[in-house]
């Protein structure tokens, strides 16, 4: 027997990416949509995020300024190495 859960705002935010990408099963998707229908704050967050993604998908890529790529890679390596130690 499948149980349904009440989505809280925190649950919705944790799963918003999967919801917007369509990578979510129907029962969970329906539950999120029910939460969005009654929670104006979450609806605004979801709608704004969806529109932001649409805007960025339509833009041409912008090259990173000189040196930024190297600093970004180093920062990500540092963060990943700290996460692996935890």
N, C-alpha and C. Protein backbone atom coordinates (compact mmCIF):
# COMPACT_ATOMS: atom_id res chain seq x y z
N UNK A 1 0.85 -1.19 0.00
CA UNK A 1 0.00 0.00 0.00
C UNK A 1 0.88 1.24 0.00
N UNK A 2 0.60 2.15 -0.90
CA UNK A 2 1.41 3.36 -1.03
C UNK A 2 0.84 4.44 -0.13
N UNK A 3 1.73 5.10 0.59
CA UNK A 3 1.28 6.17 1.47
C UNK A 3 1.59 7.50 0.82
N UNK A 4 0.72 8.45 1.03
CA UNK A 4 0.99 9.80 0.54
C UNK A 4 1.45 10.63 1.72
N UNK A 5 2.26 11.58 1.43
CA UNK A 5 2.75 12.44 2.50
C UNK A 5 2.40 13.88 2.18
N UNK A 6 2.24 14.64 3.21
CA UNK A 6 2.01 16.06 3.05
C UNK A 6 3.34 16.73 2.78
N UNK A 7 3.43 17.42 1.67
CA UNK A 7 4.66 18.14 1.37
C UNK A 7 4.71 19.41 2.19
N UNK A 8 5.84 19.62 2.82
CA UNK A 8 6.08 20.90 3.49
C UNK A 8 6.86 21.77 2.52
N UNK A 9 7.00 23.02 2.84
CA UNK A 9 7.78 23.92 2.00
C UNK A 9 9.22 23.42 1.89
N UNK A 10 9.76 22.93 2.99
CA UNK A 10 11.13 22.42 2.98
C UNK A 10 11.25 21.21 2.07
N UNK A 11 10.30 20.26 2.14
CA UNK A 11 10.31 19.10 1.24
C UNK A 11 10.27 19.54 -0.22
N UNK A 12 9.40 20.49 -0.51
CA UNK A 12 9.26 20.96 -1.88
C UNK A 12 10.56 21.55 -2.38
N UNK A 13 11.20 22.39 -1.60
CA UNK A 13 12.45 23.01 -2.03
C UNK A 13 13.54 21.97 -2.27
N UNK A 14 13.55 20.91 -1.45
CA UNK A 14 14.55 19.86 -1.62
C UNK A 14 14.35 19.08 -2.91
N UNK A 15 13.12 19.01 -3.39
CA UNK A 15 12.80 18.22 -4.57
C UNK A 15 12.41 19.06 -5.78
N UNK A 16 12.58 20.37 -5.68
CA UNK A 16 12.17 21.27 -6.75
C UNK A 16 12.89 20.97 -8.06
N UNK A 17 14.16 20.69 -8.01
CA UNK A 17 14.93 20.41 -9.22
C UNK A 17 14.36 19.19 -9.96
N UNK A 18 14.13 18.11 -9.23
CA UNK A 18 13.55 16.91 -9.85
C UNK A 18 12.17 17.20 -10.43
N UNK A 19 11.38 17.98 -9.71
CA UNK A 19 10.05 18.33 -10.18
C UNK A 19 10.12 19.12 -11.49
N UNK A 20 10.96 20.13 -11.53
CA UNK A 20 11.06 20.96 -12.73
C UNK A 20 11.67 20.22 -13.91
N UNK A 21 12.54 19.25 -13.64
CA UNK A 21 13.15 18.47 -14.71
C UNK A 21 12.24 17.35 -15.20
N UNK A 22 11.13 17.11 -14.50
CA UNK A 22 10.22 16.04 -14.87
C UNK A 22 10.75 14.67 -14.49
N UNK A 23 11.68 14.64 -13.54
CA UNK A 23 12.30 13.38 -13.12
C UNK A 23 11.67 12.84 -11.84
N UNK A 24 10.37 12.99 -11.75
CA UNK A 24 9.67 12.60 -10.52
C UNK A 24 8.47 11.74 -10.88
N UNK A 25 8.24 10.72 -10.08
CA UNK A 25 7.11 9.82 -10.30
C UNK A 25 5.78 10.56 -10.08
N UNK A 26 4.72 10.04 -10.70
CA UNK A 26 3.41 10.69 -10.65
C UNK A 26 2.86 10.97 -9.25
N UNK A 27 2.88 10.01 -8.31
CA UNK A 27 2.30 10.33 -7.00
C UNK A 27 2.99 11.51 -6.33
N UNK A 28 4.31 11.53 -6.34
CA UNK A 28 5.04 12.62 -5.70
C UNK A 28 4.79 13.93 -6.45
N UNK A 29 4.75 13.85 -7.78
CA UNK A 29 4.49 15.04 -8.60
C UNK A 29 3.13 15.63 -8.26
N UNK A 30 2.13 14.77 -8.13
CA UNK A 30 0.78 15.23 -7.79
C UNK A 30 0.74 15.88 -6.41
N UNK A 31 1.49 15.30 -5.48
CA UNK A 31 1.53 15.86 -4.13
C UNK A 31 2.20 17.23 -4.12
N UNK A 32 3.25 17.38 -4.90
CA UNK A 32 3.90 18.70 -5.00
C UNK A 32 2.94 19.70 -5.63
N UNK A 33 2.25 19.30 -6.68
CA UNK A 33 1.31 20.20 -7.33
C UNK A 33 0.18 20.60 -6.39
N UNK A 34 -0.25 19.68 -5.52
CA UNK A 34 -1.28 20.01 -4.52
C UNK A 34 -0.74 21.04 -3.54
N UNK A 35 0.53 20.88 -3.13
CA UNK A 35 1.14 21.85 -2.21
C UNK A 35 1.24 23.21 -2.89
N UNK A 36 1.69 23.22 -4.15
CA UNK A 36 1.83 24.49 -4.88
C UNK A 36 0.49 25.20 -5.02
N UNK A 37 -0.59 24.44 -5.16
CA UNK A 37 -1.92 25.03 -5.33
C UNK A 37 -2.39 25.76 -4.08
N UNK A 38 -1.89 25.35 -2.91
CA UNK A 38 -2.35 25.99 -1.67
C UNK A 38 -1.29 26.83 -0.97
N UNK A 39 -0.06 26.85 -1.50
CA UNK A 39 1.02 27.61 -0.86
C UNK A 39 1.56 28.67 -1.83
N UNK A 40 1.11 29.90 -1.69
CA UNK A 40 1.54 30.94 -2.64
C UNK A 40 3.05 31.19 -2.62
N UNK A 41 3.68 31.04 -1.47
CA UNK A 41 5.13 31.27 -1.41
C UNK A 41 5.89 30.24 -2.24
N UNK A 42 5.54 28.98 -2.10
CA UNK A 42 6.20 27.93 -2.88
C UNK A 42 5.87 28.07 -4.36
N UNK A 43 4.64 28.47 -4.67
CA UNK A 43 4.26 28.66 -6.06
C UNK A 43 5.14 29.72 -6.70
N UNK A 44 5.38 30.82 -5.99
CA UNK A 44 6.22 31.91 -6.52
C UNK A 44 7.65 31.41 -6.73
N UNK A 45 8.19 30.67 -5.76
CA UNK A 45 9.56 30.14 -5.89
C UNK A 45 9.64 29.22 -7.11
N UNK A 46 8.68 28.32 -7.24
CA UNK A 46 8.67 27.37 -8.35
C UNK A 46 8.53 28.09 -9.69
N UNK A 47 7.59 28.99 -9.78
CA UNK A 47 7.34 29.72 -11.03
C UNK A 47 8.55 30.57 -11.42
N UNK A 48 9.13 31.25 -10.46
CA UNK A 48 10.30 32.10 -10.73
C UNK A 48 11.49 31.26 -11.18
N UNK A 49 11.70 30.13 -10.51
CA UNK A 49 12.80 29.24 -10.88
C UNK A 49 12.60 28.71 -12.30
N UNK A 50 11.38 28.28 -12.60
CA UNK A 50 11.06 27.76 -13.94
C UNK A 50 11.32 28.83 -15.00
N UNK A 51 10.89 30.05 -14.76
CA UNK A 51 11.08 31.13 -15.73
C UNK A 51 12.56 31.49 -15.87
N UNK A 52 13.30 31.46 -14.77
CA UNK A 52 14.73 31.75 -14.81
C UNK A 52 15.45 30.72 -15.67
N UNK A 53 15.10 29.46 -15.50
CA UNK A 53 15.71 28.39 -16.30
C UNK A 53 15.40 28.60 -17.78
N UNK A 54 14.17 28.96 -18.09
CA UNK A 54 13.80 29.19 -19.49
C UNK A 54 14.60 30.34 -20.09
N UNK A 55 14.81 31.40 -19.32
CA UNK A 55 15.58 32.55 -19.81
C UNK A 55 17.02 32.13 -20.09
N UNK A 56 17.64 31.42 -19.15
CA UNK A 56 19.03 31.03 -19.31
C UNK A 56 19.21 30.00 -20.42
N UNK A 57 18.23 29.14 -20.63
CA UNK A 57 18.34 28.17 -21.73
C UNK A 57 18.35 28.86 -23.08
N UNK A 58 17.71 30.01 -23.18
CA UNK A 58 17.64 30.74 -24.43
C UNK A 58 18.82 31.65 -24.69
N UNK A 59 19.75 31.74 -23.76
CA UNK A 59 20.89 32.65 -23.90
C UNK A 59 22.09 31.94 -24.52
N UNK A 60 22.91 32.71 -25.19
CA UNK A 60 24.17 32.20 -25.70
C UNK A 60 25.15 32.09 -24.54
N UNK A 61 25.99 31.05 -24.56
CA UNK A 61 26.99 30.94 -23.48
C UNK A 61 27.94 32.13 -23.49
N UNK A 62 28.33 32.54 -22.33
CA UNK A 62 29.25 33.67 -22.18
C UNK A 62 30.57 33.11 -21.67
N UNK A 63 31.66 33.40 -22.36
CA UNK A 63 32.95 32.85 -21.92
C UNK A 63 33.36 33.42 -20.57
N UNK A 64 33.98 32.56 -19.76
CA UNK A 64 34.48 33.02 -18.46
C UNK A 64 35.66 33.96 -18.67
N UNK A 65 35.76 34.99 -17.86
CA UNK A 65 36.93 35.87 -17.94
C UNK A 65 38.22 35.10 -17.64
N UNK A 66 39.32 35.58 -18.17
CA UNK A 66 40.63 34.95 -17.99
C UNK A 66 40.91 34.68 -16.51
N UNK A 67 41.34 33.49 -16.20
CA UNK A 67 41.71 33.14 -14.83
C UNK A 67 40.57 32.62 -13.96
N UNK A 68 39.35 32.90 -14.34
CA UNK A 68 38.21 32.48 -13.51
C UNK A 68 38.07 30.96 -13.52
N UNK A 69 38.25 30.36 -14.69
CA UNK A 69 38.09 28.90 -14.80
C UNK A 69 39.07 28.18 -13.87
N UNK A 70 40.32 28.59 -13.85
CA UNK A 70 41.32 27.97 -12.98
C UNK A 70 40.97 28.12 -11.51
N UNK A 71 40.54 29.32 -11.11
CA UNK A 71 40.16 29.54 -9.72
C UNK A 71 38.92 28.73 -9.34
N UNK A 72 38.00 28.63 -10.27
CA UNK A 72 36.78 27.86 -10.02
C UNK A 72 37.11 26.37 -9.85
N UNK A 73 37.96 25.85 -10.71
CA UNK A 73 38.35 24.44 -10.61
C UNK A 73 39.04 24.18 -9.27
N UNK A 74 39.95 25.06 -8.87
CA UNK A 74 40.65 24.90 -7.59
C UNK A 74 39.67 24.95 -6.42
N UNK A 75 38.72 25.87 -6.47
CA UNK A 75 37.74 25.98 -5.39
C UNK A 75 36.88 24.72 -5.31
N UNK A 76 36.48 24.20 -6.47
CA UNK A 76 35.67 22.97 -6.47
C UNK A 76 36.48 21.77 -5.97
N UNK A 77 37.73 21.67 -6.37
CA UNK A 77 38.58 20.58 -5.88
C UNK A 77 38.75 20.66 -4.36
N UNK A 78 38.94 21.87 -3.86
CA UNK A 78 39.10 22.07 -2.41
C UNK A 78 37.82 21.65 -1.68
N UNK A 79 36.68 22.09 -2.19
CA UNK A 79 35.39 21.76 -1.58
C UNK A 79 35.14 20.25 -1.62
N UNK A 80 35.43 19.64 -2.75
CA UNK A 80 35.22 18.18 -2.87
C UNK A 80 36.15 17.40 -1.95
N UNK A 81 37.35 17.86 -1.79
CA UNK A 81 38.28 17.14 -0.90
C UNK A 81 37.83 17.27 0.57
N UNK A 82 37.28 18.42 0.94
CA UNK A 82 36.74 18.58 2.30
C UNK A 82 35.52 17.72 2.51
N UNK A 83 34.68 17.61 1.48
CA UNK A 83 33.47 16.79 1.59
C UNK A 83 33.83 15.32 1.72
N UNK A 84 34.91 14.89 1.09
CA UNK A 84 35.34 13.51 1.17
C UNK A 84 35.93 13.15 2.53
N UNK A 85 36.36 14.16 3.28
CA UNK A 85 36.94 13.94 4.60
C UNK A 85 35.88 13.87 5.68
N UNK A 86 34.69 14.37 5.38
CA UNK A 86 33.62 14.42 6.40
C UNK A 86 33.01 13.08 6.67
